[in-house]
Amino acid sequence: RERFEFGGRDVASWFPRHMAKGLRQMRLALRRADCLVERCHIPLSGRNPALQEALGIRPHVLVLNKMDLADPRRQPVSAGRVRAGGQPWCHRQPCPCPLQVVPMVASLVAEGPRYHRAESSEHNILVIGVPNVGKSSLINSLRRLHLKKGKATAVGGEPGVTKAVLSRIQVCEKPLMYLVDTPGVLPPRLGDVETGMKLALCGAIHDHMVGEDVMADYLLYTLNKQQQFKYVQRYRLGQPCDHIEPLLKHVALAQGRTQKVKVLTGTGNVNMMMLNYPAAAYEFLRDFRAGRLGRVTLD
């Protein structure tokens, strides 16, 4: 396929209403922030334009997560385009990269004006980003690294675990540094359906709000477009396919995804076993998110 047909989907319904409150709270918290740490999976589509106005007036570190799942052939292009919006910096577990966060933030705060916070020796850092990008995980890893403490905020594999702007969480003694975990917030108006689809594939939007079937179809289109054909070997296909139905059939057969369906016939009800295509679509998405379909950068 040369292009993907989104079928006139309305992305406005993908924005949960509670996020408007979270966005207001974050803007208030910005007044007390010395630096912003922005966490994202996707270097371009994964950032919230609603926060860009605030990013221009505070020191800003962009932390790209899950770099081990990104296509190394596409990273230089993406990183080059990101540099204009902040200082890109990459973090993934397990690696020593968290060692760089505190020194980098301390250096940026020391070099910039702090206005009404000039007299304070402590650093207040606001951690921002769209849902499910690992903001809480970053805070917890910094606490373990610098304070030898356990986790201070809940983490999860789905969007929406952090519901409100929390109190300050200390992550370092010298310099005295506090991080504020914030709820993941999507822009109230996504730029286009494709941007929303990329965010959904990375788990920033609940699957059911978009539809696992269309997400799986867009993922197949993206893999083919980028010449990423590892799915052919994983699902034992003879060759790459351009349509999602035969792929989901192979996934359902390979993973044993079946469901019992009651069929009304002339002689009564009959139970039949049929392939569970929604479950197969979810399995396809889960394989992608776990890196089992190869290293892919959506932007």
Protein backbone atom coordinates (compact mmCIF):
# COMPACT_ATOMS: atom_id res chain seq x y z
CA ARG A 1 0.00 0.00 0.00
CA GLU A 2 1.23 3.46 -0.89
CA ARG A 3 -0.91 5.11 1.78
CA PHE A 4 -3.08 4.11 4.73
CA GLU A 5 -6.80 4.93 4.74
CA PHE A 6 -7.91 6.05 8.19
CA GLY A 7 -11.58 6.17 7.23
CA GLY A 8 -12.39 9.63 8.61
CA ARG A 9 -11.79 8.70 12.24
CA ASP A 10 -12.43 11.40 14.86
CA VAL A 11 -9.36 11.67 17.09
CA ALA A 12 -11.16 14.06 19.46
CA SER A 13 -12.78 11.04 21.15
CA TRP A 14 -9.31 9.70 22.02
CA PHE A 15 -8.68 12.58 24.48
CA PRO A 16 -9.95 11.61 27.95
CA ARG A 17 -11.68 14.55 29.63
CA HIS A 18 -9.76 14.17 32.91
CA MET A 19 -6.58 15.23 31.09
CA ALA A 20 -7.80 18.82 30.84
CA LYS A 21 -7.61 19.05 34.65
CA GLY A 22 -4.14 17.50 34.65
CA LEU A 23 -2.95 20.02 32.07
CA ARG A 24 -4.18 22.94 34.22
CA GLN A 25 -2.42 21.51 37.28
CA MET A 26 0.83 21.08 35.37
CA ARG A 27 0.77 24.68 34.16
CA LEU A 28 0.43 25.84 37.77
CA ALA A 29 3.29 23.56 38.85
CA LEU A 30 5.50 25.08 36.14
CA ARG A 31 5.78 28.27 38.20
CA ARG A 32 7.78 26.41 40.84
CA ALA A 33 9.91 24.38 38.40
CA ASP A 34 13.60 25.10 37.83
CA CYS A 35 13.91 22.60 35.00
CA LEU A 36 11.71 20.30 32.92
CA VAL A 37 12.49 16.69 32.12
CA GLU A 38 10.35 15.61 29.19
CA ARG A 39 10.02 11.87 28.66
CA CYS A 40 8.90 10.38 25.33
CA HIS A 41 8.97 7.20 23.22
CA ILE A 42 8.69 8.87 19.81
CA PRO A 43 10.98 11.85 19.10
CA LEU A 44 8.41 13.92 17.19
CA SER A 45 4.86 12.57 17.50
CA GLY A 46 5.44 11.66 21.15
CA ARG A 47 5.65 15.24 22.36
CA ASN A 48 2.76 17.41 23.55
CA PRO A 49 2.51 20.74 21.66
CA ALA A 50 0.33 22.11 24.46
CA LEU A 51 3.45 22.25 26.66
CA GLN A 52 5.81 23.75 24.09
CA GLU A 53 5.15 27.33 25.22
CA ALA A 54 6.33 26.39 28.72
CA LEU A 55 9.38 24.53 27.44
CA GLY A 56 10.78 27.71 25.94
CA ILE A 57 11.11 29.52 29.29
CA ARG A 58 12.65 26.77 31.41
CA PRO A 59 15.80 24.63 31.04
CA HIS A 60 14.65 21.48 29.33
CA VAL A 61 16.02 17.94 28.98
CA LEU A 62 14.40 15.57 26.52
CA VAL A 63 14.71 11.93 27.58
CA LEU A 64 14.06 9.40 24.82
CA ASN A 65 12.92 6.09 26.25
CA LYS A 66 13.13 2.53 24.83
CA MET A 67 16.03 3.30 22.53
CA ASP A 68 16.79 -0.42 22.43
CA LEU A 69 13.56 -0.86 20.41
CA ALA A 70 14.27 1.97 17.96
CA ASP A 71 15.64 1.48 14.47
CA PRO A 72 19.29 2.67 14.61
CA ARG A 73 19.12 3.61 10.92
CA ARG A 74 16.45 6.23 11.65
CA GLN A 75 17.76 7.66 14.93
CA PRO A 76 20.19 10.25 13.50
CA VAL A 77 17.42 11.88 11.46
CA SER A 78 15.01 11.93 14.38
CA ALA A 79 17.58 13.17 16.89
CA GLY A 80 18.69 15.95 14.56
CA ARG A 81 15.14 17.22 14.28
CA VAL A 82 14.64 17.07 18.04
CA ARG A 83 17.64 19.18 18.98
CA ALA A 84 15.85 22.42 18.16
CA GLY A 85 13.31 21.73 20.90
CA GLY A 86 15.66 20.81 23.71
CA GLN A 87 18.75 18.86 24.62
CA PRO A 88 18.10 15.23 23.63
CA TRP A 89 19.35 12.58 25.96
CA CYS A 90 18.68 8.85 25.87
CA HIS A 91 17.79 6.57 28.77
CA ARG A 92 16.87 2.93 28.88
CA GLN A 93 17.15 0.16 31.44
CA PRO A 94 19.46 -1.50 32.24
CA CYS A 95 22.28 0.95 31.52
CA PRO A 96 24.30 3.56 33.47
CA CYS A 97 22.60 6.49 31.72
CA PRO A 98 20.59 7.63 34.81
CA LEU A 99 23.95 8.72 36.25
CA GLN A 100 23.85 11.63 33.80
CA VAL A 101 20.42 13.04 34.71
CA VAL A 102 21.23 14.80 37.99
CA PRO A 103 24.53 16.38 36.83
CA MET A 104 22.94 17.55 33.58
CA VAL A 105 19.93 19.10 35.32
CA ALA A 106 22.13 20.74 37.98
CA SER A 107 24.33 22.23 35.25
CA LEU A 108 21.36 23.62 33.30
CA VAL A 109 19.81 25.17 36.41
CA ALA A 110 23.14 26.75 37.41
CA GLU A 111 23.60 28.31 33.97
CA GLY A 112 20.10 29.81 33.67
CA PRO A 113 18.26 32.55 35.61
CA ARG A 114 16.08 31.32 38.48
CA TYR A 115 14.24 34.60 39.11
CA HIS A 116 12.23 34.34 42.37
CA ARG A 117 13.95 31.03 43.26
CA ALA A 118 17.48 32.47 43.15
CA GLU A 119 17.86 32.25 46.93
CA SER A 120 16.87 28.59 47.15
CA SER A 121 19.54 25.87 47.11
CA GLU A 122 17.11 23.07 46.23
CA HIS A 123 16.13 22.13 42.69
CA ASN A 124 12.51 21.50 41.71
CA ILE A 125 12.22 19.40 38.55
CA LEU A 126 8.94 18.77 36.73
CA VAL A 127 8.73 15.46 34.85
CA ILE A 128 6.32 15.72 31.92
CA GLY A 129 5.20 13.69 28.92
CA VAL A 130 2.29 11.92 27.27
CA PRO A 131 0.79 8.87 29.07
CA ASN A 132 2.74 5.66 29.64
CA VAL A 133 6.25 6.86 28.71
CA GLY A 134 7.97 5.89 31.97
CA LYS A 135 7.95 9.14 33.95
CA SER A 136 7.33 7.34 37.25
CA SER A 137 9.91 4.68 36.40
CA LEU A 138 12.55 7.35 35.81
CA ILE A 139 11.83 8.96 39.18
CA ASN A 140 12.02 5.61 40.96
CA SER A 141 15.30 4.66 39.25
CA LEU A 142 16.88 7.98 40.27
CA ARG A 143 15.81 7.44 43.90
CA ARG A 144 17.37 3.98 43.90
CA LEU A 145 20.53 5.33 42.32
CA HIS A 146 21.15 8.40 44.49
CA LEU A 147 19.25 7.71 47.73
CA LYS A 148 19.19 3.89 47.80
CA LYS A 149 15.43 4.12 48.38
CA GLY A 150 12.54 2.08 47.05
CA LYS A 151 9.95 3.31 44.62
CA ALA A 152 7.98 6.39 45.59
CA THR A 153 5.35 6.41 42.86
CA ALA A 154 3.26 3.75 41.14
CA VAL A 155 4.16 2.48 37.68
CA GLY A 156 2.21 0.43 35.16
CA GLY A 157 2.19 -0.84 31.61
CA GLU A 158 -0.92 1.09 30.60
CA PRO A 159 -1.67 4.82 30.36
CA GLY A 160 -3.33 6.60 33.26
CA VAL A 161 -1.55 5.14 36.31
CA THR A 162 -0.55 8.60 37.57
CA LYS A 163 -3.82 10.46 37.98
CA ALA A 164 -2.75 13.79 39.50
CA VAL A 165 0.21 16.08 40.06
CA LEU A 166 1.89 14.59 43.12
CA SER A 167 3.87 16.17 45.93
CA ARG A 168 7.61 16.60 45.51
CA ILE A 169 9.72 13.45 45.60
CA GLN A 170 13.35 13.72 46.66
CA VAL A 171 15.74 11.95 44.30
CA CYS A 172 19.12 13.33 45.39
CA GLU A 173 20.82 14.79 48.49
CA LYS A 174 23.75 16.65 46.89
CA PRO A 175 22.55 18.68 45.13
CA LEU A 176 19.21 18.66 46.93
CA MET A 177 16.82 17.77 44.14
CA TYR A 178 13.10 17.07 44.06
CA LEU A 179 11.15 15.67 41.11
CA VAL A 180 7.42 16.09 40.64
CA ASP A 181 5.66 13.24 38.86
CA THR A 182 2.78 14.39 36.66
CA PRO A 183 -0.06 12.63 34.87
CA GLY A 184 0.50 11.84 31.23
CA VAL A 185 -1.35 14.42 29.17
CA LEU A 186 -2.24 14.23 25.49
CA PRO A 187 -2.77 17.40 23.45
CA PRO A 188 -6.51 18.28 23.40
CA ARG A 189 -6.32 18.37 19.60
CA LEU A 190 -4.01 15.84 17.99
CA GLY A 191 -2.41 17.19 14.84
CA ASP A 192 -3.75 14.34 12.68
CA VAL A 193 -5.03 10.79 12.89
CA GLU A 194 -1.62 9.33 12.05
CA THR A 195 0.02 11.06 15.03
CA GLY A 196 -2.69 9.63 17.26
CA MET A 197 -2.16 6.18 15.78
CA LYS A 198 1.57 6.30 16.51
CA LEU A 199 0.86 7.31 20.12
CA ALA A 200 -1.63 4.45 20.42
CA LEU A 201 0.90 1.91 19.12
CA CYS A 202 3.29 3.02 21.87
CA GLY A 203 0.60 2.63 24.54
CA ALA A 204 -0.09 6.34 25.16
CA ILE A 205 -3.78 5.83 24.30
CA HIS A 206 -5.88 2.89 25.47
CA ASP A 207 -6.17 0.29 22.69
CA HIS A 208 -9.95 -0.01 22.95
CA MET A 209 -10.43 3.72 22.31
CA VAL A 210 -8.75 3.42 18.90
CA GLY A 211 -9.55 -0.20 18.04
CA GLU A 212 -7.06 -3.07 18.06
CA ASP A 213 -8.02 -4.06 14.51
CA VAL A 214 -7.18 -0.72 12.89
CA MET A 215 -4.05 -0.38 15.05
CA ALA A 216 -2.85 -3.80 13.88
CA ASP A 217 -3.56 -2.85 10.26
CA TYR A 218 -1.64 0.43 10.58
CA LEU A 219 1.25 -1.41 12.26
CA LEU A 220 1.43 -3.87 9.34
CA TYR A 221 1.41 -0.94 6.89
CA THR A 222 4.24 0.74 8.84
CA LEU A 223 6.38 -2.42 9.00
CA ASN A 224 6.03 -2.97 5.25
CA LYS A 225 6.76 0.69 4.50
CA GLN A 226 9.99 0.50 6.51
CA GLN A 227 10.99 -2.86 5.02
CA GLN A 228 10.74 -4.52 8.44
CA PHE A 229 9.72 -8.09 7.62
CA LYS A 230 10.62 -9.92 10.81
CA TYR A 231 6.92 -10.67 11.30
CA VAL A 232 7.09 -13.03 8.29
CA GLN A 233 9.49 -15.34 10.11
CA ARG A 234 7.81 -15.01 13.50
CA TYR A 235 4.36 -16.01 12.24
CA ARG A 236 5.67 -18.47 9.62
CA LEU A 237 4.29 -16.64 6.63
CA GLY A 238 5.48 -17.53 3.16
CA GLN A 239 6.03 -13.88 2.26
CA PRO A 240 5.14 -10.37 3.43
CA CYS A 241 1.44 -9.59 3.22
CA ASP A 242 -0.26 -6.28 2.50
CA HIS A 243 -3.56 -6.99 4.24
CA ILE A 244 -4.16 -7.64 7.91
CA GLU A 245 -6.70 -10.52 7.65
CA PRO A 246 -4.29 -13.28 6.51
CA LEU A 247 -1.71 -12.12 9.03
CA LEU A 248 -4.19 -12.25 11.94
CA LYS A 249 -5.28 -15.71 10.78
CA HIS A 250 -1.70 -16.97 11.03
CA VAL A 251 -1.25 -15.27 14.43
CA ALA A 252 -4.46 -16.82 15.76
CA LEU A 253 -3.44 -20.27 14.51
CA ALA A 254 0.12 -19.98 15.83
CA GLN A 255 -0.94 -18.71 19.25
CA GLY A 256 -4.07 -20.83 19.59
CA ARG A 257 -6.34 -17.81 19.81
CA THR A 258 -9.82 -19.27 19.42
CA GLN A 259 -13.24 -18.51 20.85
CA LYS A 260 -16.45 -20.49 21.27
CA VAL A 261 -19.34 -19.04 19.27
CA LYS A 262 -22.96 -20.12 19.59
CA VAL A 263 -24.67 -20.52 16.20
CA LEU A 264 -28.44 -20.80 15.88
CA THR A 265 -29.42 -23.45 13.33
CA GLY A 266 -32.66 -25.04 12.26
CA THR A 267 -32.12 -27.90 14.71
CA GLY A 268 -31.03 -25.79 17.68
CA ASN A 269 -27.97 -24.03 19.05
CA VAL A 270 -24.55 -25.32 18.02
CA ASN A 271 -21.26 -24.31 19.65
CA MET A 272 -18.46 -23.73 17.16
CA MET A 273 -14.80 -22.88 17.68
CA MET A 274 -13.67 -19.91 15.60
CA LEU A 275 -10.46 -17.93 15.35
CA ASN A 276 -10.36 -14.96 17.71
CA TYR A 277 -9.20 -12.11 15.49
CA PRO A 278 -9.35 -9.36 18.20
CA ALA A 279 -7.09 -11.48 20.42
CA ALA A 280 -4.75 -12.06 17.49
CA ALA A 281 -4.60 -8.30 16.82
CA TYR A 282 -3.72 -7.67 20.46
CA GLU A 283 -1.00 -10.35 20.27
CA PHE A 284 0.44 -8.65 17.18
CA LEU A 285 0.53 -5.30 19.01
CA ARG A 286 2.09 -6.87 22.09
CA ASP A 287 4.85 -8.49 20.01
CA PHE A 288 5.63 -5.11 18.47
CA ARG A 289 5.80 -3.36 21.87
CA ALA A 290 8.10 -6.07 23.20
CA GLY A 291 10.51 -5.70 20.27
CA ARG A 292 9.81 -9.16 18.86
CA LEU A 293 9.03 -7.73 15.40
CA GLY A 294 12.33 -5.89 15.07
CA ARG A 295 13.60 -2.43 15.93
CA VAL A 296 11.18 0.18 14.60
CA THR A 297 11.06 3.98 14.89
CA LEU A 298 7.60 5.26 14.02
CA ASP A 299 8.69 8.81 13.17
